[in-house]
Amino acid sequence: MVKSAKETVCRPPAEAATGCCSVEAVVSIDERGQMILPKEIRDKAGIKAGDKLAIVSMKQDSTLCCITLIRVEALAGMVRSMLGPVMKEIF
């Protein structure tokens, strides 16, 4: 069953905009540039071997300040929800 874009988009409720984030774990980067997501985090997020995650970054004054992992399926849903109305207007 395909979830609607509204169901797949992860965002805090408007009233909880502050304090919506928490530090879940601290990871290290090895010599090859790899990191391991702790099992507890993978279990909480339902991430399994073979799952695809998109890396989304944000900049502040041309400096990379935040890196977020988003499931590819959720990202595709977000793009569809943003572009869908625009595409309907075009066609």
PDB file of N, CA and C in Angstrom:
ATOM      1  N   MET A   1       0.844  -1.179   0.000  1.00  0.00           N
ATOM      2  CA  MET A   1       0.000   0.000   0.000  1.00  0.00           C
ATOM      3  C   MET A   1       0.889   1.243   0.000  1.00  0.00           C
ATOM      4  N   VAL A   2       0.636   2.170  -0.890  1.00  0.00           N
ATOM      5  CA  VAL A   2       1.417   3.391  -0.987  1.00  0.00           C
ATOM      6  C   VAL A   2       0.829   4.426  -0.054  1.00  0.00           C
ATOM      7  N   LYS A   3       1.688   5.018   0.762  1.00  0.00           N
ATOM      8  CA  LYS A   3       1.236   6.070   1.675  1.00  0.00           C
ATOM      9  C   LYS A   3       1.181   7.386   0.924  1.00  0.00           C
ATOM     10  N   SER A   4       0.308   8.254   1.353  1.00  0.00           N
ATOM     11  CA  SER A   4       0.243   9.569   0.728  1.00  0.00           C
ATOM     12  C   SER A   4       1.450  10.378   1.164  1.00  0.00           C
ATOM     13  N   ALA A   5       1.762  11.426   0.412  1.00  0.00           N
ATOM     14  CA  ALA A   5       2.906  12.268   0.734  1.00  0.00           C
ATOM     15  C   ALA A   5       2.760  12.848   2.136  1.00  0.00           C
ATOM     16  N   LYS A   6       1.545  13.145   2.540  1.00  0.00           N
ATOM     17  CA  LYS A   6       1.317  13.709   3.862  1.00  0.00           C
ATOM     18  C   LYS A   6       1.748  12.736   4.951  1.00  0.00           C
ATOM     19  N   GLU A   7       1.557  11.445   4.737  1.00  0.00           N
ATOM     20  CA  GLU A   7       1.927  10.442   5.718  1.00  0.00           C
ATOM     21  C   GLU A   7       3.420  10.180   5.746  1.00  0.00           C
ATOM     22  N   THR A   8       4.121  10.372   4.631  1.00  0.00           N
ATOM     23  CA  THR A   8       5.529  10.017   4.571  1.00  0.00           C
ATOM     24  C   THR A   8       6.461  11.162   4.932  1.00  0.00           C
ATOM     25  N   VAL A   9       5.960  12.391   4.967  1.00  0.00           N
ATOM     26  CA  VAL A   9       6.806  13.532   5.274  1.00  0.00           C
ATOM     27  C   VAL A   9       6.995  13.630   6.781  1.00  0.00           C
ATOM     28  N   CYS A  10       8.237  13.671   7.199  1.00  0.00           N
ATOM     29  CA  CYS A  10       8.555  13.746   8.618  1.00  0.00           C
ATOM     30  C   CYS A  10       8.797  15.200   8.988  1.00  0.00           C
ATOM     31  N   ARG A  11       7.949  15.755   9.803  1.00  0.00           N
ATOM     32  CA  ARG A  11       8.154  17.124  10.274  1.00  0.00           C
ATOM     33  C   ARG A  11       7.444  17.286  11.604  1.00  0.00           C
ATOM     34  N   PRO A  12       7.968  18.165  12.441  1.00  0.00           N
ATOM     35  CA  PRO A  12       7.343  18.353  13.749  1.00  0.00           C
ATOM     36  C   PRO A  12       6.031  19.109  13.623  1.00  0.00           C
ATOM     37  N   PRO A  13       5.110  18.903  14.565  1.00  0.00           N
ATOM     38  CA  PRO A  13       3.892  19.711  14.564  1.00  0.00           C
ATOM     39  C   PRO A  13       4.263  21.178  14.762  1.00  0.00           C
ATOM     40  N   ALA A  14       3.463  22.077  14.246  1.00  0.00           N
ATOM     41  CA  ALA A  14       3.761  23.505  14.312  1.00  0.00           C
ATOM     42  C   ALA A  14       4.002  23.966  15.748  1.00  0.00           C
ATOM     43  N   GLU A  15       3.218  23.448  16.682  1.00  0.00           N
ATOM     44  CA  GLU A  15       3.363  23.886  18.074  1.00  0.00           C
ATOM     45  C   GLU A  15       4.619  23.332  18.735  1.00  0.00           C
ATOM     46  N   ALA A  16       5.254  22.347  18.124  1.00  0.00           N
ATOM     47  CA  ALA A  16       6.465  21.757  18.696  1.00  0.00           C
ATOM     48  C   ALA A  16       7.698  22.089  17.868  1.00  0.00           C
ATOM     49  N   ALA A  17       7.652  23.206  17.155  1.00  0.00           N
ATOM     50  CA  ALA A  17       8.759  23.545  16.258  1.00  0.00           C
ATOM     51  C   ALA A  17      10.067  23.717  17.011  1.00  0.00           C
ATOM     52  N   THR A  18      10.010  24.202  18.216  1.00  0.00           N
ATOM     53  CA  THR A  18      11.234  24.292  19.005  1.00  0.00           C
ATOM     54  C   THR A  18      11.342  23.037  19.850  1.00  0.00           C
ATOM     55  N   GLY A  19      12.545  22.518  19.942  1.00  0.00           N
ATOM     56  CA  GLY A  19      12.751  21.315  20.734  1.00  0.00           C
ATOM     57  C   GLY A  19      12.343  20.044  20.019  1.00  0.00           C
ATOM     58  N   CYS A  20      12.202  20.077  18.692  1.00  0.00           N
ATOM     59  CA  CYS A  20      11.763  18.892  17.955  1.00  0.00           C
ATOM     60  C   CYS A  20      12.903  17.924  17.693  1.00  0.00           C
ATOM     61  N   CYS A  21      14.116  18.382  17.831  1.00  0.00           N
ATOM     62  CA  CYS A  21      15.270  17.552  17.511  1.00  0.00           C
ATOM     63  C   CYS A  21      15.968  17.108  18.789  1.00  0.00           C
ATOM     64  N   SER A  22      16.617  15.966  18.705  1.00  0.00           N
ATOM     65  CA  SER A  22      17.397  15.486  19.837  1.00  0.00           C
ATOM     66  C   SER A  22      18.625  14.751  19.316  1.00  0.00           C
ATOM     67  N   VAL A  23      19.653  14.710  20.135  1.00  0.00           N
ATOM     68  CA  VAL A  23      20.851  13.951  19.782  1.00  0.00           C
ATOM     69  C   VAL A  23      20.565  12.506  20.152  1.00  0.00           C
ATOM     70  N   GLU A  24      20.496  11.648  19.153  1.00  0.00           N
ATOM     71  CA  GLU A  24      20.200  10.233  19.359  1.00  0.00           C
ATOM     72  C   GLU A  24      21.467   9.424  19.586  1.00  0.00           C
ATOM     73  N   ALA A  25      22.551   9.825  18.934  1.00  0.00           N
ATOM     74  CA  ALA A  25      23.806   9.089  19.043  1.00  0.00           C
ATOM     75  C   ALA A  25      24.928   9.956  18.492  1.00  0.00           C
ATOM     76  N   VAL A  26      26.141   9.594  18.831  1.00  0.00           N
ATOM     77  CA  VAL A  26      27.327  10.224  18.267  1.00  0.00           C
ATOM     78  C   VAL A  26      28.087   9.122  17.543  1.00  0.00           C
ATOM     79  N   VAL A  27      28.441   9.376  16.291  1.00  0.00           N
ATOM     80  CA  VAL A  27      29.155   8.371  15.499  1.00  0.00           C
ATOM     81  C   VAL A  27      30.509   8.926  15.075  1.00  0.00           C
ATOM     82  N   SER A  28      31.418   8.040  14.768  1.00  0.00           N
ATOM     83  CA  SER A  28      32.746   8.416  14.289  1.00  0.00           C
ATOM     84  C   SER A  28      32.865   8.040  12.816  1.00  0.00           C
ATOM     85  N   ILE A  29      33.714   8.755  12.131  1.00  0.00           N
ATOM     86  CA  ILE A  29      34.002   8.469  10.731  1.00  0.00           C
ATOM     87  C   ILE A  29      35.355   7.748  10.688  1.00  0.00           C
ATOM     88  N   ASP A  30      35.403   6.613  10.002  1.00  0.00           N
ATOM     89  CA  ASP A  30      36.662   5.865   9.950  1.00  0.00           C
ATOM     90  C   ASP A  30      37.568   6.394   8.837  1.00  0.00           C
ATOM     91  N   GLU A  31      38.717   5.760   8.677  1.00  0.00           N
ATOM     92  CA  GLU A  31      39.717   6.203   7.706  1.00  0.00           C
ATOM     93  C   GLU A  31      39.187   6.207   6.279  1.00  0.00           C
ATOM     94  N   ARG A  32      38.206   5.353   5.999  1.00  0.00           N
ATOM     95  CA  ARG A  32      37.641   5.270   4.653  1.00  0.00           C
ATOM     96  C   ARG A  32      36.452   6.208   4.469  1.00  0.00           C
ATOM     97  N   GLY A  33      36.144   7.020   5.479  1.00  0.00           N
ATOM     98  CA  GLY A  33      35.039   7.965   5.378  1.00  0.00           C
ATOM     99  C   GLY A  33      33.687   7.338   5.676  1.00  0.00           C
ATOM    100  N   GLN A  34      33.686   6.171   6.277  1.00  0.00           N
ATOM    101  CA  GLN A  34      32.436   5.475   6.570  1.00  0.00           C
ATOM    102  C   GLN A  34      32.044   5.650   8.032  1.00  0.00           C
ATOM    103  N   MET A  35      30.748   5.562   8.273  1.00  0.00           N
ATOM    104  CA  MET A  35      30.244   5.602   9.638  1.00  0.00           C
ATOM    105  C   MET A  35      29.231   4.484   9.811  1.00  0.00           C
ATOM    106  N   ILE A  36      28.976   4.137  11.038  1.00  0.00           N
ATOM    107  CA  ILE A  36      27.995   3.094  11.335  1.00  0.00           C
ATOM    108  C   ILE A  36      26.848   3.735  12.097  1.00  0.00           C
ATOM    109  N   LEU A  37      25.618   3.523  11.596  1.00  0.00           N
ATOM    110  CA  LEU A  37      24.445   3.948  12.337  1.00  0.00           C
ATOM    111  C   LEU A  37      24.207   2.904  13.423  1.00  0.00           C
ATOM    112  N   PRO A  38      24.141   3.315  14.670  1.00  0.00           N
ATOM    113  CA  PRO A  38      23.944   2.337  15.748  1.00  0.00           C
ATOM    114  C   PRO A  38      22.668   1.519  15.546  1.00  0.00           C
ATOM    115  N   LYS A  39      22.712   0.266  15.969  1.00  0.00           N
ATOM    116  CA  LYS A  39      21.582  -0.652  15.805  1.00  0.00           C
ATOM    117  C   LYS A  39      20.306  -0.083  16.409  1.00  0.00           C
ATOM    118  N   GLU A  40      20.398   0.537  17.575  1.00  0.00           N
ATOM    119  CA  GLU A  40      19.210   1.108  18.220  1.00  0.00           C
ATOM    120  C   GLU A  40      18.538   2.145  17.329  1.00  0.00           C
ATOM    121  N   ILE A  41      19.333   2.968  16.647  1.00  0.00           N
ATOM    122  CA  ILE A  41      18.789   3.991  15.752  1.00  0.00           C
ATOM    123  C   ILE A  41      18.174   3.323  14.522  1.00  0.00           C
ATOM    124  N   ARG A  42      18.892   2.330  13.955  1.00  0.00           N
ATOM    125  CA  ARG A  42      18.347   1.614  12.793  1.00  0.00           C
ATOM    126  C   ARG A  42      17.025   0.952  13.152  1.00  0.00           C
ATOM    127  N   ASP A  43      16.955   0.342  14.327  1.00  0.00           N
ATOM    128  CA  ASP A  43      15.710  -0.310  14.756  1.00  0.00           C
ATOM    129  C   ASP A  43      14.585   0.710  14.919  1.00  0.00           C
ATOM    130  N   LYS A  44      14.854   1.830  15.584  1.00  0.00           N
ATOM    131  CA  LYS A  44      13.836   2.875  15.782  1.00  0.00           C
ATOM    132  C   LYS A  44      13.302   3.398  14.449  1.00  0.00           C
ATOM    133  N   ALA A  45      14.222   3.552  13.482  1.00  0.00           N
ATOM    134  CA  ALA A  45      13.848   4.119  12.181  1.00  0.00           C
ATOM    135  C   ALA A  45      13.387   3.062  11.188  1.00  0.00           C
ATOM    136  N   GLY A  46      13.514   1.795  11.561  1.00  0.00           N
ATOM    137  CA  GLY A  46      13.119   0.728  10.648  1.00  0.00           C
ATOM    138  C   GLY A  46      14.031   0.609   9.443  1.00  0.00           C
ATOM    139  N   ILE A  47      15.306   0.969   9.617  1.00  0.00           N
ATOM    140  CA  ILE A  47      16.273   0.905   8.519  1.00  0.00           C
ATOM    141  C   ILE A  47      16.884  -0.494   8.482  1.00  0.00           C
ATOM    142  N   LYS A  48      16.843  -1.087   7.293  1.00  0.00           N
ATOM    143  CA  LYS A  48      17.370  -2.444   7.111  1.00  0.00           C
ATOM    144  C   LYS A  48      18.429  -2.441   6.016  1.00  0.00           C
ATOM    145  N   ALA A  49      19.215  -3.502   5.972  1.00  0.00           N
ATOM    146  CA  ALA A  49      20.239  -3.641   4.937  1.00  0.00           C
ATOM    147  C   ALA A  49      19.588  -3.490   3.560  1.00  0.00           C
ATOM    148  N   GLY A  50      20.205  -2.719   2.708  1.00  0.00           N
ATOM    149  CA  GLY A  50      19.695  -2.506   1.358  1.00  0.00           C
ATOM    150  C   GLY A  50      18.790  -1.295   1.220  1.00  0.00           C
ATOM    151  N   ASP A  51      18.321  -0.722   2.339  1.00  0.00           N
ATOM    152  CA  ASP A  51      17.491   0.484   2.266  1.00  0.00           C
ATOM    153  C   ASP A  51      18.306   1.628   1.676  1.00  0.00           C
ATOM    154  N   LYS A  52      17.646   2.513   0.958  1.00  0.00           N
ATOM    155  CA  LYS A  52      18.299   3.664   0.348  1.00  0.00           C
ATOM    156  C   LYS A  52      17.954   4.915   1.145  1.00  0.00           C
ATOM    157  N   LEU A  53      18.994   5.684   1.496  1.00  0.00           N
ATOM    158  CA  LEU A  53      18.819   6.941   2.209  1.00  0.00           C
ATOM    159  C   LEU A  53      19.436   8.059   1.384  1.00  0.00           C
ATOM    160  N   ALA A  54      18.730   9.172   1.274  1.00  0.00           N
ATOM    161  CA  ALA A  54      19.266  10.347   0.585  1.00  0.00           C
ATOM    162  C   ALA A  54      19.930  11.236   1.628  1.00  0.00           C
ATOM    163  N   ILE A  55      21.054  11.812   1.274  1.00  0.00           N
ATOM    164  CA  ILE A  55      21.736  12.756   2.150  1.00  0.00           C
ATOM    165  C   ILE A  55      21.334  14.149   1.692  1.00  0.00           C
ATOM    166  N   VAL A  56      20.696  14.892   2.578  1.00  0.00           N
ATOM    167  CA  VAL A  56      20.245  16.245   2.280  1.00  0.00           C
ATOM    168  C   VAL A  56      21.042  17.186   3.176  1.00  0.00           C
ATOM    169  N   SER A  57      21.645  18.201   2.583  1.00  0.00           N
ATOM    170  CA  SER A  57      22.457  19.127   3.369  1.00  0.00           C
ATOM    171  C   SER A  57      21.860  20.524   3.341  1.00  0.00           C
ATOM    172  N   MET A  58      22.196  21.284   4.359  1.00  0.00           N
ATOM    173  CA  MET A  58      21.773  22.679   4.440  1.00  0.00           C
ATOM    174  C   MET A  58      23.008  23.537   4.655  1.00  0.00           C
ATOM    175  N   LYS A  59      22.999  24.721   4.079  1.00  0.00           N
ATOM    176  CA  LYS A  59      24.116  25.644   4.228  1.00  0.00           C
ATOM    177  C   LYS A  59      23.656  26.891   4.964  1.00  0.00           C
ATOM    178  N   GLN A  60      24.596  27.446   5.687  1.00  0.00           N
ATOM    179  CA  GLN A  60      24.381  28.745   6.314  1.00  0.00           C
ATOM    180  C   GLN A  60      25.600  29.570   5.955  1.00  0.00           C
ATOM    181  N   ASP A  61      25.410  30.632   5.222  1.00  0.00           N
ATOM    182  CA  ASP A  61      26.519  31.472   4.758  1.00  0.00           C
ATOM    183  C   ASP A  61      27.569  30.670   3.996  1.00  0.00           C
ATOM    184  N   SER A  62      27.202  29.843   3.102  1.00  0.00           N
ATOM    185  CA  SER A  62      28.089  29.019   2.278  1.00  0.00           C
ATOM    186  C   SER A  62      28.849  27.947   3.059  1.00  0.00           C
ATOM    187  N   THR A  63      28.527  27.747   4.335  1.00  0.00           N
ATOM    188  CA  THR A  63      29.146  26.687   5.127  1.00  0.00           C
ATOM    189  C   THR A  63      28.115  25.603   5.383  1.00  0.00           C
ATOM    190  N   LEU A  64      28.478  24.373   5.092  1.00  0.00           N
ATOM    191  CA  LEU A  64      27.593  23.243   5.345  1.00  0.00           C
ATOM    192  C   LEU A  64      27.393  23.130   6.855  1.00  0.00           C
ATOM    193  N   CYS A  65      26.149  23.212   7.302  1.00  0.00           N
ATOM    194  CA  CYS A  65      25.904  23.217   8.749  1.00  0.00           C
ATOM    195  C   CYS A  65      25.073  22.028   9.221  1.00  0.00           C
ATOM    196  N   CYS A  66      24.368  21.365   8.324  1.00  0.00           N
ATOM    197  CA  CYS A  66      23.481  20.295   8.756  1.00  0.00           C
ATOM    198  C   CYS A  66      23.382  19.230   7.662  1.00  0.00           C
ATOM    199  N   ILE A  67      23.454  17.979   8.075  1.00  0.00           N
ATOM    200  CA  ILE A  67      23.303  16.851   7.156  1.00  0.00           C
ATOM    201  C   ILE A  67      22.172  15.990   7.692  1.00  0.00           C
ATOM    202  N   THR A  68      21.223  15.658   6.835  1.00  0.00           N
ATOM    203  CA  THR A  68      20.067  14.865   7.226  1.00  0.00           C
ATOM    204  C   THR A  68      19.961  13.651   6.322  1.00  0.00           C
ATOM    205  N   LEU A  69      19.576  12.523   6.896  1.00  0.00           N
ATOM    206  CA  LEU A  69      19.310  11.319   6.119  1.00  0.00           C
ATOM    207  C   LEU A  69      17.803  11.169   5.977  1.00  0.00           C
ATOM    208  N   ILE A  70      17.330  10.978   4.755  1.00  0.00           N
ATOM    209  CA  ILE A  70      15.901  10.816   4.487  1.00  0.00           C
ATOM    210  C   ILE A  70      15.732   9.586   3.607  1.00  0.00           C
ATOM    211  N   ARG A  71      14.768   8.760   3.938  1.00  0.00           N
ATOM    212  CA  ARG A  71      14.481   7.603   3.084  1.00  0.00           C
ATOM    213  C   ARG A  71      14.162   8.093   1.677  1.00  0.00           C
ATOM    214  N   VAL A  72      14.692   7.405   0.683  1.00  0.00           N
ATOM    215  CA  VAL A  72      14.473   7.799  -0.705  1.00  0.00           C
ATOM    216  C   VAL A  72      12.976   7.832  -1.015  1.00  0.00           C
ATOM    217  N   GLU A  73      12.228   6.863  -0.503  1.00  0.00           N
ATOM    218  CA  GLU A  73      10.788   6.829  -0.753  1.00  0.00           C
ATOM    219  C   GLU A  73      10.100   8.079  -0.196  1.00  0.00           C
ATOM    220  N   ALA A  74      10.508   8.515   0.993  1.00  0.00           N
ATOM    221  CA  ALA A  74       9.916   9.715   1.596  1.00  0.00           C
ATOM    222  C   ALA A  74      10.291  10.956   0.809  1.00  0.00           C
ATOM    223  N   LEU A  75      11.541  11.009   0.347  1.00  0.00           N
ATOM    224  CA  LEU A  75      11.985  12.150  -0.443  1.00  0.00           C
ATOM    225  C   LEU A  75      11.205  12.228  -1.747  1.00  0.00           C
ATOM    226  N   ALA A  76      10.990  11.083  -2.372  1.00  0.00           N
ATOM    227  CA  ALA A  76      10.207  11.058  -3.613  1.00  0.00           C
ATOM    228  C   ALA A  76       8.792  11.557  -3.354  1.00  0.00           C
ATOM    229  N   GLY A  77       8.214  11.167  -2.228  1.00  0.00           N
ATOM    230  CA  GLY A  77       6.876  11.647  -1.866  1.00  0.00           C
ATOM    231  C   GLY A  77       6.850  13.145  -1.658  1.00  0.00           C
ATOM    232  N   MET A  78       7.894  13.681  -1.031  1.00  0.00           N
ATOM    233  CA  MET A  78       7.976  15.130  -0.816  1.00  0.00           C
ATOM    234  C   MET A  78       8.060  15.869  -2.148  1.00  0.00           C
ATOM    235  N   VAL A  79       8.877  15.349  -3.054  1.00  0.00           N
ATOM    236  CA  VAL A  79       9.030  15.990  -4.360  1.00  0.00           C
ATOM    237  C   VAL A  79       7.701  15.943  -5.112  1.00  0.00           C
ATOM    238  N   ARG A  80       7.032  14.782  -5.089  1.00  0.00           N
ATOM    239  CA  ARG A  80       5.730  14.674  -5.765  1.00  0.00           C
ATOM    240  C   ARG A  80       4.725  15.653  -5.172  1.00  0.00           C
ATOM    241  N   SER A  81       4.706  15.791  -3.842  1.00  0.00           N
ATOM    242  CA  SER A  81       3.721  16.680  -3.228  1.00  0.00           C
ATOM    243  C   SER A  81       3.992  18.145  -3.570  1.00  0.00           C
ATOM    244  N   MET A  82       5.278  18.483  -3.793  1.00  0.00           N
ATOM    245  CA  MET A  82       5.612  19.864  -4.154  1.00  0.00           C
ATOM    246  C   MET A  82       5.402  20.122  -5.635  1.00  0.00           C
ATOM    247  N   LEU A  83       5.804  19.162  -6.462  1.00  0.00           N
ATOM    248  CA  LEU A  83       5.724  19.371  -7.906  1.00  0.00           C
ATOM    249  C   LEU A  83       4.366  19.015  -8.505  1.00  0.00           C
ATOM    250  N   GLY A  84       3.623  18.137  -7.848  1.00  0.00           N
ATOM    251  CA  GLY A  84       2.326  17.719  -8.370  1.00  0.00           C
ATOM    252  C   GLY A  84       1.403  18.863  -8.721  1.00  0.00           C
ATOM    253  N   PRO A  85       1.152  19.788  -7.773  1.00  0.00           N
ATOM    254  CA  PRO A  85       0.273  20.922  -8.089  1.00  0.00           C
ATOM    255  C   PRO A  85       0.817  21.809  -9.217  1.00  0.00           C
ATOM    256  N   VAL A  86       2.123  21.982  -9.271  1.00  0.00           N
ATOM    257  CA  VAL A  86       2.724  22.790 -10.318  1.00  0.00           C
ATOM    258  C   VAL A  86       2.515  22.118 -11.673  1.00  0.00           C
ATOM    259  N   MET A  87       2.737  20.817 -11.726  1.00  0.00           N
ATOM    260  CA  MET A  87       2.580  20.084 -12.982  1.00  0.00           C
ATOM    261  C   MET A  87       1.123  20.095 -13.450  1.00  0.00           C
ATOM    262  N   LYS A  88       0.163  20.035 -12.515  1.00  0.00           N
ATOM    263  CA  LYS A  88      -1.246  20.098 -12.901  1.00  0.00           C
ATOM    264  C   LYS A  88      -1.580  21.432 -13.550  1.00  0.00           C
ATOM    265  N   GLU A  89      -0.990  22.506 -13.021  1.00  0.00           N
ATOM    266  CA  GLU A  89      -1.232  23.832 -13.587  1.00  0.00           C
ATOM    267  C   GLU A  89      -0.648  23.943 -15.001  1.00  0.00           C
ATOM    268  N   ILE A  90       0.506  23.309 -15.212  1.00  0.00           N
ATOM    269  CA  ILE A  90       1.164  23.375 -16.520  1.00  0.00           C
ATOM    270  C   ILE A  90       0.368  22.607 -17.562  1.00  0.00           C
ATOM    271  N   PHE A  91      -0.126  21.435 -17.196  1.00  0.00           N
ATOM    272  CA  PHE A  91      -0.833  20.595 -18.147  1.00  0.00           C
ATOM    273  C   PHE A  91      -2.320  20.776 -17.983  1.00  0.00           C
TER     274      PHE A  91
END
